[in-house]
Amino acid sequence: MSDGQASSAETLTEHVGTDIDINAFRSQLLSWYETEHREFPWRETDDPYAILVSEVMSQQTQLGRVVDAWKDFIQRWSTVETLAAADQSAVVTFWSEHALGYNNRAKYLYEAANQIVDQYNGTVPADPDELTSLMGVGPYTANAVASFAFNNGDAVVDTNVERVLYRVFKQVRQADDPPYELIANAVLPTDKSRIWNNAIMELGGVACEKTPRCDEAHCPLRQWCHAYQTGDFTAPDVPTQPSFEGSRRQFRGRIVRTLGEHGQLSLDTLGHRIRVDYTPDGTHGRDWLYGIVTDLADDGIVNMNIEATAAGTAETNSPDMSQDDKSELPSSISVSLQS
């Protein structure tokens, strides 16, 4: 193990804990990103100039507003050389006409283009430290460009990423001053900064928003997430508990937390552990609980094991039962977390 890997392992132990399979954690997030991410044109290129433009435009601007502006900008100034040769006033005017705000960013981008042409022979530097020498490029933008263009950056930590780390990891939430960048870099898989940074930022943007959409966005981290299991979705930028559409999410979280603590449980045992008013044949009984557990199984979070059917045969991992089946043998169902 290299010194860097050892340091990351120590950081994970201290700030993430040892009860999370970090390799499974990473795999789940990357798989989710591959199938669930939003399509943006700058994600379809590794041209560092085009990515630099997108990063500067995206600062404090909603991505949906950036798409058309980015396309128009790249069409008009397709290379760093054409931008450097343009009139600065034309670039600033373009910025204003596309309502991108903070016109100084247009000026800085123009000056950065001239630096790249004059100092780097028209080649955008790949090293994050060199990128920070460009006008208007700080550590965040430097790591973003290095990651998305060259797969060569450290963790890209914005408000969305901080919110994800704070909600998922109990140790981060309990720290007085969480070292977000240190933790984000420890979680970052080796040689995967391009896809990983995209994935965790996307998660914060579409699933772990200020008002989270855990189930609706099929968040892949629910089985490890402290916020999902406790129902406390406050965060550094969310000082008060966000409102929810109902209590179903709360019970999904309780189920995940309870199975994590106790392992495999029968349906009725699980029901009694997650709500004090659980009665098998009541309003919030087996049918109600079966519906929630089935949703969790469909999402790949839990396994449902049917130990025996009415005919005496054995089945496993089969949530597809008719209403008659549920009435006959609900107590034969046991539930466990996906391994």
C-alpha atoms as a PDB file:
ATOM      1  CA  MET A   1       0.000   0.000   0.000  1.00  0.00           C
ATOM      2  CA  SER A   2       1.419   3.415  -0.958  1.00  0.00           C
ATOM      3  CA  ASP A   3       1.684   6.299   1.514  1.00  0.00           C
ATOM      4  CA  GLY A   4      -1.239   8.003  -0.237  1.00  0.00           C
ATOM      5  CA  GLN A   5      -3.392   4.881  -0.023  1.00  0.00           C
ATOM      6  CA  ALA A   6      -2.508   4.402   3.638  1.00  0.00           C
ATOM      7  CA  SER A   7      -3.431   7.999   4.393  1.00  0.00           C
ATOM      8  CA  SER A   8      -6.764   7.586   2.589  1.00  0.00           C
ATOM      9  CA  ALA A   9      -7.481   4.406   4.528  1.00  0.00           C
ATOM     10  CA  GLU A  10      -6.791   6.184   7.824  1.00  0.00           C
ATOM     11  CA  THR A  11      -9.059   9.070   6.785  1.00  0.00           C
ATOM     12  CA  LEU A  12     -11.848   6.646   5.868  1.00  0.00           C
ATOM     13  CA  THR A  13     -11.528   4.863   9.210  1.00  0.00           C
ATOM     14  CA  GLU A  14     -11.616   8.126  11.164  1.00  0.00           C
ATOM     15  CA  HIS A  15     -14.303  10.025   9.266  1.00  0.00           C
ATOM     16  CA  VAL A  16     -16.374   7.328   7.557  1.00  0.00           C
ATOM     17  CA  GLY A  17     -16.072   4.380   9.923  1.00  0.00           C
ATOM     18  CA  THR A  18     -15.467   0.702   9.306  1.00  0.00           C
ATOM     19  CA  ASP A  19     -19.056  -0.480   8.882  1.00  0.00           C
ATOM     20  CA  ILE A  20     -19.275   0.630   5.233  1.00  0.00           C
ATOM     21  CA  ASP A  21     -17.927  -1.513   2.403  1.00  0.00           C
ATOM     22  CA  ILE A  22     -16.248   1.344   0.563  1.00  0.00           C
ATOM     23  CA  ASN A  23     -15.765  -0.682  -2.630  1.00  0.00           C
ATOM     24  CA  ALA A  24     -19.472  -1.550  -2.771  1.00  0.00           C
ATOM     25  CA  PHE A  25     -20.271   2.067  -1.924  1.00  0.00           C
ATOM     26  CA  ARG A  26     -18.207   3.303  -4.857  1.00  0.00           C
ATOM     27  CA  SER A  27     -19.546   0.664  -7.240  1.00  0.00           C
ATOM     28  CA  GLN A  28     -23.175   1.473  -6.432  1.00  0.00           C
ATOM     29  CA  LEU A  29     -22.706   5.198  -7.032  1.00  0.00           C
ATOM     30  CA  LEU A  30     -20.856   4.709 -10.320  1.00  0.00           C
ATOM     31  CA  SER A  31     -23.470   2.243 -11.591  1.00  0.00           C
ATOM     32  CA  TRP A  32     -26.239   4.677 -10.670  1.00  0.00           C
ATOM     33  CA  TYR A  33     -24.498   7.501 -12.510  1.00  0.00           C
ATOM     34  CA  GLU A  34     -24.077   5.442 -15.670  1.00  0.00           C
ATOM     35  CA  THR A  35     -27.841   4.908 -15.954  1.00  0.00           C
ATOM     36  CA  GLU A  36     -29.377   7.938 -14.200  1.00  0.00           C
ATOM     37  CA  HIS A  37     -27.256  10.973 -15.061  1.00  0.00           C
ATOM     38  CA  ARG A  38     -28.563  13.994 -16.912  1.00  0.00           C
ATOM     39  CA  GLU A  39     -27.266  14.633 -20.411  1.00  0.00           C
ATOM     40  CA  PHE A  40     -25.166  17.773 -20.828  1.00  0.00           C
ATOM     41  CA  PRO A  41     -23.086  18.461 -23.952  1.00  0.00           C
ATOM     42  CA  TRP A  42     -19.872  19.155 -22.032  1.00  0.00           C
ATOM     43  CA  ARG A  43     -20.108  15.656 -20.580  1.00  0.00           C
ATOM     44  CA  GLU A  44     -19.789  14.281 -24.092  1.00  0.00           C
ATOM     45  CA  THR A  45     -16.330  15.753 -24.680  1.00  0.00           C
ATOM     46  CA  ASP A  46     -12.897  15.671 -23.114  1.00  0.00           C
ATOM     47  CA  ASP A  47     -11.780  18.886 -24.849  1.00  0.00           C
ATOM     48  CA  PRO A  48     -10.221  20.849 -21.971  1.00  0.00           C
ATOM     49  CA  TYR A  49     -11.052  24.221 -23.539  1.00  0.00           C
ATOM     50  CA  ALA A  50     -14.732  23.344 -23.939  1.00  0.00           C
ATOM     51  CA  ILE A  51     -14.814  21.994 -20.381  1.00  0.00           C
ATOM     52  CA  LEU A  52     -13.119  25.120 -19.015  1.00  0.00           C
ATOM     53  CA  VAL A  53     -15.814  27.226 -20.686  1.00  0.00           C
ATOM     54  CA  SER A  54     -18.566  25.072 -19.168  1.00  0.00           C
ATOM     55  CA  GLU A  55     -17.055  25.278 -15.689  1.00  0.00           C
ATOM     56  CA  VAL A  56     -16.730  29.048 -15.782  1.00  0.00           C
ATOM     57  CA  MET A  57     -20.272  29.421 -17.095  1.00  0.00           C
ATOM     58  CA  SER A  58     -21.665  27.043 -14.460  1.00  0.00           C
ATOM     59  CA  GLN A  59     -20.371  29.020 -11.490  1.00  0.00           C
ATOM     60  CA  GLN A  60     -23.462  30.135  -9.536  1.00  0.00           C
ATOM     61  CA  THR A  61     -25.632  29.498 -12.613  1.00  0.00           C
ATOM     62  CA  GLN A  62     -28.192  26.719 -13.065  1.00  0.00           C
ATOM     63  CA  LEU A  63     -26.972  24.114 -15.534  1.00  0.00           C
ATOM     64  CA  GLY A  64     -30.172  24.232 -17.552  1.00  0.00           C
ATOM     65  CA  ARG A  65     -29.483  27.883 -18.382  1.00  0.00           C
ATOM     66  CA  VAL A  66     -25.916  27.110 -19.380  1.00  0.00           C
ATOM     67  CA  VAL A  67     -26.619  24.574 -22.148  1.00  0.00           C
ATOM     68  CA  ASP A  68     -27.696  26.938 -24.941  1.00  0.00           C
ATOM     69  CA  ALA A  69     -25.151  29.579 -23.951  1.00  0.00           C
ATOM     70  CA  TRP A  70     -22.334  27.011 -23.988  1.00  0.00           C
ATOM     71  CA  LYS A  71     -23.355  25.699 -27.394  1.00  0.00           C
ATOM     72  CA  ASP A  72     -23.520  29.237 -28.819  1.00  0.00           C
ATOM     73  CA  PHE A  73     -20.181  30.158 -27.247  1.00  0.00           C
ATOM     74  CA  ILE A  74     -18.375  27.095 -28.617  1.00  0.00           C
ATOM     75  CA  GLN A  75     -19.909  27.640 -32.032  1.00  0.00           C
ATOM     76  CA  ARG A  76     -18.685  31.242 -32.076  1.00  0.00           C
ATOM     77  CA  TRP A  77     -15.266  30.681 -30.452  1.00  0.00           C
ATOM     78  CA  SER A  78     -14.537  27.029 -31.125  1.00  0.00           C
ATOM     79  CA  THR A  79     -10.917  27.012 -29.921  1.00  0.00           C
ATOM     80  CA  VAL A  80      -8.890  28.760 -27.273  1.00  0.00           C
ATOM     81  CA  GLU A  81      -7.044  30.573 -30.085  1.00  0.00           C
ATOM     82  CA  THR A  82     -10.232  32.041 -31.557  1.00  0.00           C
ATOM     83  CA  LEU A  83     -11.314  33.244 -28.130  1.00  0.00           C
ATOM     84  CA  ALA A  84      -7.946  34.806 -27.416  1.00  0.00           C
ATOM     85  CA  ALA A  85      -8.088  36.625 -30.778  1.00  0.00           C
ATOM     86  CA  ALA A  86     -11.557  38.035 -30.130  1.00  0.00           C
ATOM     87  CA  ASP A  87     -12.367  41.459 -28.698  1.00  0.00           C
ATOM     88  CA  GLN A  88     -12.916  41.300 -24.954  1.00  0.00           C
ATOM     89  CA  SER A  89     -15.973  43.524 -25.339  1.00  0.00           C
ATOM     90  CA  ALA A  90     -17.571  40.940 -27.650  1.00  0.00           C
ATOM     91  CA  VAL A  91     -17.104  38.222 -25.045  1.00  0.00           C
ATOM     92  CA  VAL A  92     -18.568  40.381 -22.269  1.00  0.00           C
ATOM     93  CA  THR A  93     -21.505  41.352 -24.490  1.00  0.00           C
ATOM     94  CA  PHE A  94     -22.164  37.687 -25.262  1.00  0.00           C
ATOM     95  CA  TRP A  95     -22.176  36.952 -21.517  1.00  0.00           C
ATOM     96  CA  SER A  96     -24.728  39.681 -20.853  1.00  0.00           C
ATOM     97  CA  GLU A  97     -26.962  38.722 -23.789  1.00  0.00           C
ATOM     98  CA  HIS A  98     -27.146  35.153 -22.493  1.00  0.00           C
ATOM     99  CA  ALA A  99     -27.954  36.299 -18.934  1.00  0.00           C
ATOM    100  CA  LEU A 100     -25.057  34.394 -17.422  1.00  0.00           C
ATOM    101  CA  GLY A 101     -24.466  36.998 -14.719  1.00  0.00           C
ATOM    102  CA  TYR A 102     -21.199  38.104 -13.083  1.00  0.00           C
ATOM    103  CA  ASN A 103     -19.670  39.585 -16.219  1.00  0.00           C
ATOM    104  CA  ASN A 104     -16.218  39.527 -14.635  1.00  0.00           C
ATOM    105  CA  ARG A 105     -16.224  35.805 -15.379  1.00  0.00           C
ATOM    106  CA  ALA A 106     -16.344  36.602 -19.104  1.00  0.00           C
ATOM    107  CA  LYS A 107     -13.345  38.899 -18.692  1.00  0.00           C
ATOM    108  CA  TYR A 108     -11.414  36.295 -16.697  1.00  0.00           C
ATOM    109  CA  LEU A 109     -12.192  33.558 -19.244  1.00  0.00           C
ATOM    110  CA  TYR A 110     -10.944  35.795 -22.037  1.00  0.00           C
ATOM    111  CA  GLU A 111      -7.739  36.578 -20.113  1.00  0.00           C
ATOM    112  CA  ALA A 112      -7.254  32.881 -19.304  1.00  0.00           C
ATOM    113  CA  ALA A 113      -7.516  32.067 -23.018  1.00  0.00           C
ATOM    114  CA  ASN A 114      -4.746  34.563 -23.745  1.00  0.00           C
ATOM    115  CA  GLN A 115      -2.586  33.041 -21.003  1.00  0.00           C
ATOM    116  CA  ILE A 116      -3.061  29.574 -22.496  1.00  0.00           C
ATOM    117  CA  VAL A 117      -2.063  30.830 -25.942  1.00  0.00           C
ATOM    118  CA  ASP A 118       0.887  32.946 -24.749  1.00  0.00           C
ATOM    119  CA  GLN A 119       2.271  30.774 -21.958  1.00  0.00           C
ATOM    120  CA  TYR A 120       1.200  27.236 -22.909  1.00  0.00           C
ATOM    121  CA  ASN A 121       1.300  27.382 -26.725  1.00  0.00           C
ATOM    122  CA  GLY A 122      -2.465  26.996 -26.922  1.00  0.00           C
ATOM    123  CA  THR A 123      -2.566  23.805 -24.828  1.00  0.00           C
ATOM    124  CA  VAL A 124      -4.687  23.851 -21.683  1.00  0.00           C
ATOM    125  CA  PRO A 125      -2.489  22.547 -18.827  1.00  0.00           C
ATOM    126  CA  ALA A 126      -3.501  19.201 -17.346  1.00  0.00           C
ATOM    127  CA  ASP A 127      -2.077  19.706 -13.867  1.00  0.00           C
ATOM    128  CA  PRO A 128      -4.452  21.279 -11.311  1.00  0.00           C
ATOM    129  CA  ASP A 129      -1.684  23.426  -9.833  1.00  0.00           C
ATOM    130  CA  GLU A 130      -0.842  24.857 -13.256  1.00  0.00           C
ATOM    131  CA  LEU A 131      -4.509  25.420 -13.996  1.00  0.00           C
ATOM    132  CA  THR A 132      -4.792  27.647 -10.928  1.00  0.00           C
ATOM    133  CA  SER A 133      -2.296  30.020 -12.554  1.00  0.00           C
ATOM    134  CA  LEU A 134      -4.981  30.936 -15.084  1.00  0.00           C
ATOM    135  CA  MET A 135      -7.042  34.045 -14.471  1.00  0.00           C
ATOM    136  CA  GLY A 136     -10.233  33.299 -12.547  1.00  0.00           C
ATOM    137  CA  VAL A 137      -9.392  29.629 -11.999  1.00  0.00           C
ATOM    138  CA  GLY A 138      -9.365  28.556  -8.362  1.00  0.00           C
ATOM    139  CA  PRO A 139      -8.800  25.086  -6.880  1.00  0.00           C
ATOM    140  CA  TYR A 140     -12.389  23.992  -7.488  1.00  0.00           C
ATOM    141  CA  THR A 141     -12.395  24.866 -11.206  1.00  0.00           C
ATOM    142  CA  ALA A 142      -8.845  23.549 -11.624  1.00  0.00           C
ATOM    143  CA  ASN A 143      -9.776  20.148 -10.205  1.00  0.00           C
ATOM    144  CA  ALA A 144     -12.964  20.079 -12.261  1.00  0.00           C
ATOM    145  CA  VAL A 145     -11.116  20.734 -15.535  1.00  0.00           C
ATOM    146  CA  ALA A 146      -8.301  18.334 -14.622  1.00  0.00           C
ATOM    147  CA  SER A 147     -10.844  15.640 -13.757  1.00  0.00           C
ATOM    148  CA  PHE A 148     -13.323  16.020 -16.580  1.00  0.00           C
ATOM    149  CA  ALA A 149     -10.777  16.663 -19.338  1.00  0.00           C
ATOM    150  CA  PHE A 150      -7.770  14.622 -18.195  1.00  0.00           C
ATOM    151  CA  ASN A 151      -9.059  12.247 -15.459  1.00  0.00           C
ATOM    152  CA  ASN A 152      -6.286  13.821 -13.444  1.00  0.00           C
ATOM    153  CA  GLY A 153      -7.888  15.797 -10.637  1.00  0.00           C
ATOM    154  CA  ASP A 154      -8.506  15.525  -6.949  1.00  0.00           C
ATOM    155  CA  ALA A 155     -12.000  15.519  -5.480  1.00  0.00           C
ATOM    156  CA  VAL A 156     -14.220  18.357  -6.686  1.00  0.00           C
ATOM    157  CA  VAL A 157     -16.017  19.620  -3.586  1.00  0.00           C
ATOM    158  CA  ASP A 158     -18.962  21.963  -3.959  1.00  0.00           C
ATOM    159  CA  THR A 159     -22.035  22.533  -1.794  1.00  0.00           C
ATOM    160  CA  ASN A 160     -23.748  19.491  -3.309  1.00  0.00           C
ATOM    161  CA  VAL A 161     -20.830  17.207  -2.442  1.00  0.00           C
ATOM    162  CA  GLU A 162     -20.597  18.569   1.097  1.00  0.00           C
ATOM    163  CA  ARG A 163     -24.316  17.902   1.539  1.00  0.00           C
ATOM    164  CA  VAL A 164     -23.918  14.287   0.365  1.00  0.00           C
ATOM    165  CA  LEU A 165     -20.962  13.613   2.676  1.00  0.00           C
ATOM    166  CA  TYR A 166     -22.686  15.235   5.650  1.00  0.00           C
ATOM    167  CA  ARG A 167     -25.891  13.266   5.217  1.00  0.00           C
ATOM    168  CA  VAL A 168     -24.384   9.893   4.371  1.00  0.00           C
ATOM    169  CA  PHE A 169     -21.652   9.631   7.003  1.00  0.00           C
ATOM    170  CA  LYS A 170     -22.571   9.913  10.679  1.00  0.00           C
ATOM    171  CA  GLN A 171     -18.985  10.767  11.617  1.00  0.00           C
ATOM    172  CA  VAL A 172     -18.983  13.763   9.278  1.00  0.00           C
ATOM    173  CA  ARG A 173     -22.215  15.065  10.791  1.00  0.00           C
ATOM    174  CA  GLN A 174     -20.816  14.731  14.311  1.00  0.00           C
ATOM    175  CA  ALA A 175     -17.550  16.568  13.576  1.00  0.00           C
ATOM    176  CA  ASP A 176     -17.250  20.183  14.703  1.00  0.00           C
ATOM    177  CA  ASP A 177     -15.476  21.221  11.507  1.00  0.00           C
ATOM    178  CA  PRO A 178     -15.657  18.381   8.946  1.00  0.00           C
ATOM    179  CA  PRO A 179     -12.615  18.208   6.608  1.00  0.00           C
ATOM    180  CA  TYR A 180     -14.745  17.790   3.500  1.00  0.00           C
ATOM    181  CA  GLU A 181     -11.923  17.877   0.960  1.00  0.00           C
ATOM    182  CA  LEU A 182      -9.888  15.345   2.919  1.00  0.00           C
ATOM    183  CA  ILE A 183     -12.855  12.976   3.169  1.00  0.00           C
ATOM    184  CA  ALA A 184     -13.895  13.493  -0.450  1.00  0.00           C
ATOM    185  CA  ASN A 185     -10.380  12.624  -1.624  1.00  0.00           C
ATOM    186  CA  ALA A 186     -10.300   9.523   0.582  1.00  0.00           C
ATOM    187  CA  VAL A 187     -13.576   8.294  -0.922  1.00  0.00           C
ATOM    188  CA  LEU A 188     -12.407   9.083  -4.481  1.00  0.00           C
ATOM    189  CA  PRO A 189     -11.433   5.857  -6.321  1.00  0.00           C
ATOM    190  CA  THR A 190      -7.939   5.739  -7.777  1.00  0.00           C
ATOM    191  CA  ASP A 191      -7.719   6.842 -11.438  1.00  0.00           C
ATOM    192  CA  LYS A 192     -11.449   7.561 -11.697  1.00  0.00           C
ATOM    193  CA  SER A 193     -11.672  11.262 -10.943  1.00  0.00           C
ATOM    194  CA  ARG A 194     -13.602  12.002 -14.163  1.00  0.00           C
ATOM    195  CA  ILE A 195     -16.538   9.690 -13.580  1.00  0.00           C
ATOM    196  CA  TRP A 196     -16.460   9.814  -9.768  1.00  0.00           C
ATOM    197  CA  ASN A 197     -16.582  13.598  -9.490  1.00  0.00           C
ATOM    198  CA  ASN A 198     -19.363  13.710 -12.042  1.00  0.00           C
ATOM    199  CA  ALA A 199     -21.242  11.011 -10.142  1.00  0.00           C
ATOM    200  CA  ILE A 200     -21.108  12.455  -6.639  1.00  0.00           C
ATOM    201  CA  MET A 201     -21.889  15.968  -7.872  1.00  0.00           C
ATOM    202  CA  GLU A 202     -24.811  14.598  -9.879  1.00  0.00           C
ATOM    203  CA  LEU A 203     -26.098  12.769  -6.822  1.00  0.00           C
ATOM    204  CA  GLY A 204     -26.114  16.002  -4.856  1.00  0.00           C
ATOM    205  CA  GLY A 205     -27.826  17.795  -7.725  1.00  0.00           C
ATOM    206  CA  VAL A 206     -30.694  15.408  -8.454  1.00  0.00           C
ATOM    207  CA  ALA A 207     -31.153  13.073  -5.445  1.00  0.00           C
ATOM    208  CA  CYS A 208     -29.573  14.681  -2.387  1.00  0.00           C
ATOM    209  CA  GLU A 209     -30.939  18.155  -2.981  1.00  0.00           C
ATOM    210  CA  LYS A 210     -31.878  20.490  -0.140  1.00  0.00           C
ATOM    211  CA  THR A 211     -35.218  18.690  -0.125  1.00  0.00           C
ATOM    212  CA  PRO A 212     -33.983  15.165  -0.900  1.00  0.00           C
ATOM    213  CA  ARG A 213     -35.503  12.865  -3.509  1.00  0.00           C
ATOM    214  CA  CYS A 214     -33.934   9.661  -2.196  1.00  0.00           C
ATOM    215  CA  ASP A 215     -36.518   7.196  -3.464  1.00  0.00           C
ATOM    216  CA  GLU A 216     -37.733   9.140  -6.468  1.00  0.00           C
ATOM    217  CA  ALA A 217     -34.172   9.473  -7.819  1.00  0.00           C
ATOM    218  CA  HIS A 218     -33.216   5.924  -6.764  1.00  0.00           C
ATOM    219  CA  CYS A 219     -30.311   7.112  -4.637  1.00  0.00           C
ATOM    220  CA  PRO A 220     -27.773   4.261  -4.611  1.00  0.00           C
ATOM    221  CA  LEU A 221     -26.439   5.129  -1.147  1.00  0.00           C
ATOM    222  CA  ARG A 222     -29.626   4.660   0.868  1.00  0.00           C
ATOM    223  CA  GLN A 223     -28.498   1.489   2.584  1.00  0.00           C
ATOM    224  CA  TRP A 224     -25.476   3.317   4.057  1.00  0.00           C
ATOM    225  CA  CYS A 225     -26.949   6.793   4.463  1.00  0.00           C
ATOM    226  CA  HIS A 226     -27.261   8.026   8.042  1.00  0.00           C
ATOM    227  CA  ALA A 227     -29.805  10.682   7.051  1.00  0.00           C
ATOM    228  CA  TYR A 228     -31.994   8.171   5.224  1.00  0.00           C
ATOM    229  CA  GLN A 229     -31.944   5.802   8.166  1.00  0.00           C
ATOM    230  CA  THR A 230     -32.658   8.439  10.820  1.00  0.00           C
ATOM    231  CA  GLY A 231     -34.884  10.811   8.870  1.00  0.00           C
ATOM    232  CA  ASP A 232     -32.676  13.804   9.712  1.00  0.00           C
ATOM    233  CA  PHE A 233     -31.940  15.532   6.404  1.00  0.00           C
ATOM    234  CA  THR A 234     -30.424  18.719   7.738  1.00  0.00           C
ATOM    235  CA  ALA A 235     -27.085  19.711   6.200  1.00  0.00           C
ATOM    236  CA  PRO A 236     -24.648  22.644   6.231  1.00  0.00           C
ATOM    237  CA  ASP A 237     -26.877  24.463   3.715  1.00  0.00           C
ATOM    238  CA  VAL A 238     -30.123  23.035   5.152  1.00  0.00           C
ATOM    239  CA  PRO A 239     -30.271  24.271   8.784  1.00  0.00           C
ATOM    240  CA  THR A 240     -33.861  23.149   9.336  1.00  0.00           C
ATOM    241  CA  GLN A 241     -35.459  19.814   8.535  1.00  0.00           C
ATOM    242  CA  PRO A 242     -36.949  19.847   4.987  1.00  0.00           C
ATOM    243  CA  SER A 243     -40.576  18.914   4.602  1.00  0.00           C
ATOM    244  CA  PHE A 244     -41.588  15.604   3.010  1.00  0.00           C
ATOM    245  CA  GLU A 245     -44.575  14.419   1.047  1.00  0.00           C
ATOM    246  CA  GLY A 246     -45.480  11.803   3.642  1.00  0.00           C
ATOM    247  CA  SER A 247     -44.174   9.316   6.157  1.00  0.00           C
ATOM    248  CA  ARG A 248     -43.457   6.431   3.777  1.00  0.00           C
ATOM    249  CA  ARG A 249     -39.854   7.535   3.283  1.00  0.00           C
ATOM    250  CA  GLN A 250     -39.342   7.640   7.034  1.00  0.00           C
ATOM    251  CA  PHE A 251     -40.386   4.004   7.368  1.00  0.00           C
ATOM    252  CA  ARG A 252     -38.215   2.953   4.439  1.00  0.00           C
ATOM    253  CA  GLY A 253     -35.309   4.479   6.337  1.00  0.00           C
ATOM    254  CA  ARG A 254     -36.309   2.767   9.576  1.00  0.00           C
ATOM    255  CA  ILE A 255     -36.445  -0.582   7.782  1.00  0.00           C
ATOM    256  CA  VAL A 256     -32.932  -0.140   6.365  1.00  0.00           C
ATOM    257  CA  ARG A 257     -31.550   0.962   9.753  1.00  0.00           C
ATOM    258  CA  THR A 258     -33.281  -1.876  11.622  1.00  0.00           C
ATOM    259  CA  LEU A 259     -32.033  -4.550   9.211  1.00  0.00           C
ATOM    260  CA  GLY A 260     -28.552  -3.101   9.455  1.00  0.00           C
ATOM    261  CA  GLU A 261     -28.655  -3.437  13.228  1.00  0.00           C
ATOM    262  CA  HIS A 262     -30.374  -6.825  13.543  1.00  0.00           C
ATOM    263  CA  GLY A 263     -29.761  -8.677  10.282  1.00  0.00           C
ATOM    264  CA  GLN A 264     -32.465 -10.819   8.684  1.00  0.00           C
ATOM    265  CA  LEU A 265     -35.893 -10.489  10.304  1.00  0.00           C
ATOM    266  CA  SER A 266     -39.303 -11.964   9.657  1.00  0.00           C
ATOM    267  CA  LEU A 267     -41.903  -9.568   8.296  1.00  0.00           C
ATOM    268  CA  ASP A 268     -43.817  -9.391  11.575  1.00  0.00           C
ATOM    269  CA  THR A 269     -40.689  -8.988  13.720  1.00  0.00           C
ATOM    270  CA  LEU A 270     -39.576  -6.163  11.456  1.00  0.00           C
ATOM    271  CA  GLY A 271     -43.009  -4.552  11.685  1.00  0.00           C
ATOM    272  CA  HIS A 272     -42.968  -4.503  15.468  1.00  0.00           C
ATOM    273  CA  ARG A 273     -39.493  -2.995  15.500  1.00  0.00           C
ATOM    274  CA  ILE A 274     -40.286  -0.071  13.185  1.00  0.00           C
ATOM    275  CA  ARG A 275     -43.619   1.067  14.627  1.00  0.00           C
ATOM    276  CA  VAL A 276     -45.260   0.656  18.001  1.00  0.00           C
ATOM    277  CA  ASP A 277     -48.778   0.379  16.559  1.00  0.00           C
ATOM    278  CA  TYR A 278     -47.946  -2.478  14.180  1.00  0.00           C
ATOM    279  CA  THR A 279     -50.539  -5.240  14.146  1.00  0.00           C
ATOM    280  CA  PRO A 280     -50.328  -7.926  11.455  1.00  0.00           C
ATOM    281  CA  ASP A 281     -53.936  -7.559  10.332  1.00  0.00           C
ATOM    282  CA  GLY A 282     -54.269  -3.835  11.030  1.00  0.00           C
ATOM    283  CA  THR A 283     -54.172  -0.758   8.798  1.00  0.00           C
ATOM    284  CA  HIS A 284     -50.417  -0.536   9.271  1.00  0.00           C
ATOM    285  CA  GLY A 285     -49.888  -4.277   9.254  1.00  0.00           C
ATOM    286  CA  ARG A 286     -48.496  -6.929   6.956  1.00  0.00           C
ATOM    287  CA  ASP A 287     -49.999  -5.656   3.715  1.00  0.00           C
ATOM    288  CA  TRP A 288     -48.780  -2.116   4.400  1.00  0.00           C
ATOM    289  CA  LEU A 289     -45.290  -3.327   5.372  1.00  0.00           C
ATOM    290  CA  TYR A 290     -45.128  -5.774   2.480  1.00  0.00           C
ATOM    291  CA  GLY A 291     -45.721  -2.927   0.038  1.00  0.00           C
ATOM    292  CA  ILE A 292     -42.838  -0.884   1.438  1.00  0.00           C
ATOM    293  CA  VAL A 293     -40.483  -3.859   1.585  1.00  0.00           C
ATOM    294  CA  THR A 294     -41.382  -4.808  -1.988  1.00  0.00           C
ATOM    295  CA  ASP A 295     -40.445  -1.295  -3.135  1.00  0.00           C
ATOM    296  CA  LEU A 296     -37.099  -1.622  -1.352  1.00  0.00           C
ATOM    297  CA  ALA A 297     -36.544  -5.018  -2.995  1.00  0.00           C
ATOM    298  CA  ASP A 298     -37.360  -3.556  -6.413  1.00  0.00           C
ATOM    299  CA  ASP A 299     -34.768  -0.856  -5.732  1.00  0.00           C
ATOM    300  CA  GLY A 300     -32.151  -3.502  -4.921  1.00  0.00           C
ATOM    301  CA  ILE A 301     -31.795  -2.457  -1.281  1.00  0.00           C
ATOM    302  CA  VAL A 302     -33.237  -5.523   0.468  1.00  0.00           C
ATOM    303  CA  ASN A 303     -33.738  -9.224  -0.175  1.00  0.00           C
ATOM    304  CA  MET A 304     -37.105 -10.848   0.477  1.00  0.00           C
ATOM    305  CA  ASN A 305     -36.980 -14.544   1.335  1.00  0.00           C
ATOM    306  CA  ILE A 306     -40.138 -16.627   1.163  1.00  0.00           C
ATOM    307  CA  GLU A 307     -39.356 -19.641   3.257  1.00  0.00           C
ATOM    308  CA  ALA A 308     -42.378 -21.693   2.316  1.00  0.00           C
ATOM    309  CA  THR A 309     -45.489 -21.414   0.188  1.00  0.00           C
ATOM    310  CA  ALA A 310     -48.935 -22.790   0.886  1.00  0.00           C
ATOM    311  CA  ALA A 311     -47.969 -25.878  -1.101  1.00  0.00           C
ATOM    312  CA  GLY A 312     -44.925 -26.394   1.078  1.00  0.00           C
ATOM    313  CA  THR A 313     -42.324 -25.512  -1.549  1.00  0.00           C
ATOM    314  CA  ALA A 314     -39.477 -23.150  -0.911  1.00  0.00           C
ATOM    315  CA  GLU A 315     -38.830 -19.867  -2.700  1.00  0.00           C
ATOM    316  CA  THR A 316     -36.279 -17.109  -2.195  1.00  0.00           C
ATOM    317  CA  ASN A 317     -35.905 -13.505  -3.331  1.00  0.00           C
ATOM    318  CA  SER A 318     -39.395 -13.504  -4.801  1.00  0.00           C
ATOM    319  CA  PRO A 319     -41.477 -10.436  -3.926  1.00  0.00           C
ATOM    320  CA  ASP A 320     -44.016 -11.193  -6.672  1.00  0.00           C
ATOM    321  CA  MET A 321     -46.952 -12.546  -4.712  1.00  0.00           C
ATOM    322  CA  SER A 322     -50.659 -12.131  -5.213  1.00  0.00           C
ATOM    323  CA  GLN A 323     -52.908 -10.606  -2.562  1.00  0.00           C
ATOM    324  CA  ASP A 324     -54.137 -14.147  -1.753  1.00  0.00           C
ATOM    325  CA  ASP A 325     -50.555 -15.292  -1.224  1.00  0.00           C
ATOM    326  CA  LYS A 326     -49.919 -12.419   1.186  1.00  0.00           C
ATOM    327  CA  SER A 327     -53.020 -13.242   3.195  1.00  0.00           C
ATOM    328  CA  GLU A 328     -52.083 -16.914   3.453  1.00  0.00           C
ATOM    329  CA  LEU A 329     -48.431 -16.802   4.358  1.00  0.00           C
ATOM    330  CA  PRO A 330     -47.174 -13.316   5.194  1.00  0.00           C
ATOM    331  CA  SER A 331     -45.319 -14.535   8.276  1.00  0.00           C
ATOM    332  CA  SER A 332     -43.144 -16.832   6.122  1.00  0.00           C
ATOM    333  CA  ILE A 333     -41.422 -13.844   4.566  1.00  0.00           C
ATOM    334  CA  SER A 334     -38.092 -12.703   5.974  1.00  0.00           C
ATOM    335  CA  VAL A 335     -36.203  -9.602   4.944  1.00  0.00           C
ATOM    336  CA  SER A 336     -32.502  -8.741   4.913  1.00  0.00           C
ATOM    337  CA  LEU A 337     -30.278  -6.053   3.432  1.00  0.00           C
ATOM    338  CA  GLN A 338     -28.663  -6.714   0.071  1.00  0.00           C
ATOM    339  CA  SER A 339     -25.060  -7.708   0.631  1.00  0.00           C
END
